[in-house]
């Protein structure tokens, strides 16, 4: 009786592993270009993974910093949102208040004389004193002080007369149709040439609005001053 035997070809994993391991033995680290293909492929794979990992953490780090920054901004943004929400709710009321302020400013501007009306205002102050029977010993306008949107004129004055007349004069000045304020009031005995009972010294300040040309000139000066400050 004859017996037949067949050889079956199989996959020898141990042999393949041995061949792969043999390629990693005796590698010259100084000359990776001469390595077998398997160590080269492994090196490329490790390097690629390292680049991916480093890039991922770098990207993640910047994202985390950005997230922390946004979290820190959150309270301020909430406060700003609540403030704007309140303004939106009260928008109509705020508009009414704005109109009231504009009307008030317009009324104040009407009380400020223009450049052409200053002489008449000075005459009104003088007439207010004469009308109370006061004697003007000094009435000297000073230099005009130009502000952002108005000009201020100081007037040094000294009058003599009775106490009640001096008080009435101060009241008349405050009730003029134009704005006039009294500063540095000093009441004392009359001067040598005065027959009055008392003498009052003060600085009356009158105000006038600037015309369009003066406002433009003042704005140019302010802009030039700011530009000079920035250069420094």
Protein backbone atom coordinates (compact mmCIF):
# COMPACT_ATOMS: atom_id res chain seq x y z
CA UNK A 1 0.00 0.00 0.00
CA UNK A 2 1.55 3.23 -1.10
CA UNK A 3 1.22 6.42 0.95
CA UNK A 4 1.46 9.94 -0.51
CA UNK A 5 2.52 12.96 1.42
CA UNK A 6 2.12 16.58 0.31
CA UNK A 7 4.22 19.50 1.49
CA UNK A 8 2.08 22.53 2.33
CA UNK A 9 3.77 25.90 1.85
CA UNK A 10 3.04 28.15 4.92
CA UNK A 11 3.82 31.72 6.10
CA UNK A 12 6.98 31.68 8.25
CA UNK A 13 6.46 34.72 10.51
CA UNK A 14 9.48 33.97 12.67
CA UNK A 15 11.76 34.07 9.68
CA UNK A 16 10.40 37.42 8.58
CA UNK A 17 10.80 38.87 12.07
CA UNK A 18 14.35 37.61 12.17
CA UNK A 19 15.10 39.25 8.83
CA UNK A 20 13.59 42.53 10.00
CA UNK A 21 15.52 42.43 13.25
CA UNK A 22 18.70 41.71 11.34
CA UNK A 23 18.29 45.01 9.45
CA UNK A 24 18.33 46.92 12.76
CA UNK A 25 21.54 45.30 13.97
CA UNK A 26 24.82 47.08 13.60
CA UNK A 27 23.39 50.34 12.30
CA UNK A 28 25.85 53.23 11.93
CA UNK A 29 24.06 56.19 13.51
CA UNK A 30 26.48 58.58 11.83
CA UNK A 31 25.44 57.42 8.33
CA UNK A 32 21.68 56.85 8.27
CA UNK A 33 21.72 57.09 4.48
CA UNK A 34 23.39 53.68 4.31
CA UNK A 35 20.78 51.98 6.47
CA UNK A 36 18.53 49.24 5.01
CA UNK A 37 15.09 50.29 3.87
CA UNK A 38 13.24 49.08 6.98
CA UNK A 39 15.21 51.21 9.51
CA UNK A 40 14.92 54.19 7.15
CA UNK A 41 11.17 53.74 6.96
CA UNK A 42 10.94 53.43 10.73
CA UNK A 43 13.04 56.58 11.20
CA UNK A 44 10.87 58.53 8.77
CA UNK A 45 7.76 57.31 10.55
CA UNK A 46 9.07 58.32 13.98
CA UNK A 47 10.20 61.73 12.69
CA UNK A 48 6.82 62.31 11.05
CA UNK A 49 4.97 61.38 14.23
CA UNK A 50 7.25 63.67 16.26
CA UNK A 51 6.51 66.59 13.93
CA UNK A 52 2.80 65.91 14.13
CA UNK A 53 2.88 65.70 17.93
CA UNK A 54 4.94 68.88 18.32
CA UNK A 55 2.73 70.76 15.85
CA UNK A 56 -0.39 69.55 17.59
CA UNK A 57 0.76 70.68 21.02
CA UNK A 58 1.96 74.01 19.61
CA UNK A 59 -1.42 74.61 17.99
CA UNK A 60 -3.22 73.42 21.08
CA UNK A 61 -1.13 75.70 23.29
CA UNK A 62 -1.98 78.81 21.27
CA UNK A 63 -5.63 77.79 21.26
CA UNK A 64 -5.60 77.37 25.03
CA UNK A 65 -4.05 80.83 25.46
CA UNK A 66 -6.66 82.32 23.17
CA UNK A 67 -9.39 80.57 25.10
CA UNK A 68 -8.03 81.89 28.41
CA UNK A 69 -7.94 85.41 26.95
CA UNK A 70 -11.54 85.15 25.83
CA UNK A 71 -12.56 83.86 29.25
CA UNK A 72 -10.89 86.87 30.88
CA UNK A 73 -12.75 89.20 28.50
CA UNK A 74 -16.07 87.58 29.28
CA UNK A 75 -16.91 89.58 32.47
CA UNK A 76 -16.08 92.90 30.77
CA UNK A 77 -18.16 91.96 27.74
CA UNK A 78 -21.07 90.97 29.98
CA UNK A 79 -20.87 94.31 31.79
CA UNK A 80 -20.72 96.19 28.49
CA UNK A 81 -23.65 94.20 27.16
CA UNK A 82 -25.74 94.93 30.27
CA UNK A 83 -24.88 98.62 30.04
CA UNK A 84 -25.84 98.81 26.36
CA UNK A 85 -28.99 96.81 27.07
CA UNK A 86 -30.03 99.34 29.73
CA UNK A 87 -29.30 102.15 27.28
CA UNK A 88 -31.36 100.44 24.60
CA UNK A 89 -34.27 100.02 27.01
CA UNK A 90 -34.04 103.69 28.03
CA UNK A 91 -33.21 104.98 24.54
CA UNK A 92 -36.31 107.16 24.24
CA UNK A 93 -35.71 108.68 27.66
CA UNK A 94 -32.07 109.34 26.82
CA UNK A 95 -33.09 111.06 23.60
CA UNK A 96 -35.45 113.32 25.56
CA UNK A 97 -32.66 114.16 28.01
CA UNK A 98 -30.34 114.92 25.09
CA UNK A 99 -32.89 117.34 23.62
CA UNK A 100 -33.30 119.00 27.02
CA UNK A 101 -29.55 119.43 27.37
CA UNK A 102 -29.30 120.86 23.84
CA UNK A 103 -32.09 123.33 24.61
CA UNK A 104 -30.35 124.32 27.84
CA UNK A 105 -27.05 124.84 26.02
CA UNK A 106 -28.85 126.93 23.38
CA UNK A 107 -30.34 129.11 26.11
CA UNK A 108 -26.91 129.60 27.67
CA UNK A 109 -25.40 130.46 24.30
CA UNK A 110 -28.07 133.12 23.83
CA UNK A 111 -26.85 134.71 27.06
CA UNK A 112 -23.35 135.01 25.64
CA UNK A 113 -22.82 138.12 23.55
CA UNK A 114 -20.98 138.12 20.27
CA UNK A 115 -17.88 140.14 19.55
CA UNK A 116 -19.98 143.06 18.28
CA UNK A 117 -22.14 143.10 21.43
CA UNK A 118 -19.30 143.32 23.96
CA UNK A 119 -19.20 147.12 23.93
CA UNK A 120 -22.91 147.26 24.70
CA UNK A 121 -22.44 144.81 27.58
CA UNK A 122 -19.65 146.91 29.06
CA UNK A 123 -21.92 149.92 28.81
CA UNK A 124 -24.68 147.97 30.62
CA UNK A 125 -22.33 147.22 33.52
CA UNK A 126 -21.33 150.86 33.75
CA UNK A 127 -24.94 152.03 33.61
CA UNK A 128 -25.89 149.55 36.33
CA UNK A 129 -23.41 151.25 38.68
CA UNK A 130 -24.38 154.78 37.73
CA UNK A 131 -28.04 153.91 38.10
CA UNK A 132 -27.39 153.04 41.75
CA UNK A 133 -25.57 156.30 42.36
CA UNK A 134 -22.13 154.70 42.57
CA UNK A 135 -18.92 156.39 41.53
CA UNK A 136 -16.56 154.42 39.32
CA UNK A 137 -12.99 154.94 40.45
CA UNK A 138 -11.67 152.19 38.16
CA UNK A 139 -13.13 150.38 35.15
CA UNK A 140 -10.35 148.59 33.28
CA UNK A 141 -11.03 145.71 30.85
CA UNK A 142 -8.20 143.16 30.73
CA UNK A 143 -6.93 140.86 28.02
CA UNK A 144 -9.39 138.49 26.36
CA UNK A 145 -8.80 134.86 27.39
CA UNK A 146 -9.84 132.53 24.55
CA UNK A 147 -11.09 129.09 25.63
CA UNK A 148 -12.22 126.16 23.50
CA UNK A 149 -15.64 127.51 22.54
CA UNK A 150 -15.92 130.88 24.27
CA UNK A 151 -13.87 133.92 25.22
CA UNK A 152 -13.59 135.44 28.67
CA UNK A 153 -13.02 139.15 29.37
CA UNK A 154 -11.98 140.20 32.91
CA UNK A 155 -12.79 143.74 34.01
CA UNK A 156 -11.13 145.18 37.09
CA UNK A 157 -13.43 147.72 38.72
CA UNK A 158 -13.61 149.80 41.87
CA UNK A 159 -16.75 151.67 42.88
CA UNK A 160 -17.64 153.73 45.91
CA UNK A 161 -21.03 154.43 47.44
CA UNK A 162 -23.43 153.38 50.13
CA UNK A 163 -23.57 149.81 51.33
CA UNK A 164 -27.10 149.10 50.06
CA UNK A 165 -26.33 150.71 46.70
CA UNK A 166 -23.25 148.49 46.29
CA UNK A 167 -25.33 145.41 47.10
CA UNK A 168 -28.04 146.49 44.66
CA UNK A 169 -25.37 147.02 41.98
CA UNK A 170 -24.05 143.48 42.47
CA UNK A 171 -27.63 142.16 42.16
CA UNK A 172 -28.21 144.21 39.01
CA UNK A 173 -25.05 142.82 37.43
CA UNK A 174 -26.13 139.24 38.17
CA UNK A 175 -29.55 139.94 36.60
CA UNK A 176 -28.21 141.29 33.32
CA UNK A 177 -29.49 139.54 30.21
CA UNK A 178 -25.90 138.50 29.47
CA UNK A 179 -23.75 136.38 31.78
CA UNK A 180 -21.54 138.48 34.06
CA UNK A 181 -19.92 137.11 37.22
CA UNK A 182 -18.17 139.00 40.02
CA UNK A 183 -14.99 137.62 41.57
CA UNK A 184 -12.55 138.64 44.32
CA UNK A 185 -14.96 141.06 45.95
CA UNK A 186 -13.41 143.26 48.62
CA UNK A 187 -15.37 145.95 50.50
CA UNK A 188 -13.56 148.49 52.61
CA UNK A 189 -13.31 152.14 53.53
CA UNK A 190 -13.64 154.65 50.68
CA UNK A 191 -10.62 156.11 48.91
CA UNK A 192 -9.24 159.57 49.55
CA UNK A 193 -11.12 161.15 46.64
CA UNK A 194 -14.38 159.38 47.38
CA UNK A 195 -17.23 160.83 49.35
CA UNK A 196 -19.00 157.48 49.61
CA UNK A 197 -19.35 155.41 52.72
CA UNK A 198 -17.73 152.29 51.28
CA UNK A 199 -15.51 151.19 48.42
CA UNK A 200 -15.80 147.88 46.59
CA UNK A 201 -13.16 146.29 44.42
CA UNK A 202 -13.97 143.30 42.23
CA UNK A 203 -13.21 141.56 38.95
CA UNK A 204 -16.21 141.25 36.68
CA UNK A 205 -15.91 138.50 34.12
CA UNK A 206 -17.99 138.60 30.97
CA UNK A 207 -18.18 135.85 28.40
CA UNK A 208 -18.86 135.79 24.69
CA UNK A 209 -19.12 132.97 22.19
CA UNK A 210 -16.55 132.52 19.46
CA UNK A 211 -17.54 132.95 15.86
CA UNK A 212 -16.91 130.18 13.30
CA UNK A 213 -13.50 131.52 12.30
CA UNK A 214 -12.35 131.79 15.92
CA UNK A 215 -13.56 128.25 16.70
CA UNK A 216 -11.66 126.89 13.70
CA UNK A 217 -8.53 128.76 14.74
CA UNK A 218 -8.81 127.48 18.30
CA UNK A 219 -9.27 123.89 17.09
CA UNK A 220 -6.14 124.25 14.94
CA UNK A 221 -4.15 125.38 17.98
CA UNK A 222 -5.41 122.45 20.06
CA UNK A 223 -4.58 119.97 17.27
CA UNK A 224 -1.10 121.48 16.86
CA UNK A 225 -0.49 121.27 20.60
CA UNK A 226 -1.54 117.59 20.67
CA UNK A 227 0.69 116.82 17.68
CA UNK A 228 3.65 118.49 19.40
CA UNK A 229 2.99 116.50 22.60
CA UNK A 230 3.00 113.21 20.64
CA UNK A 231 6.32 114.04 18.98
CA UNK A 232 7.89 114.56 22.37
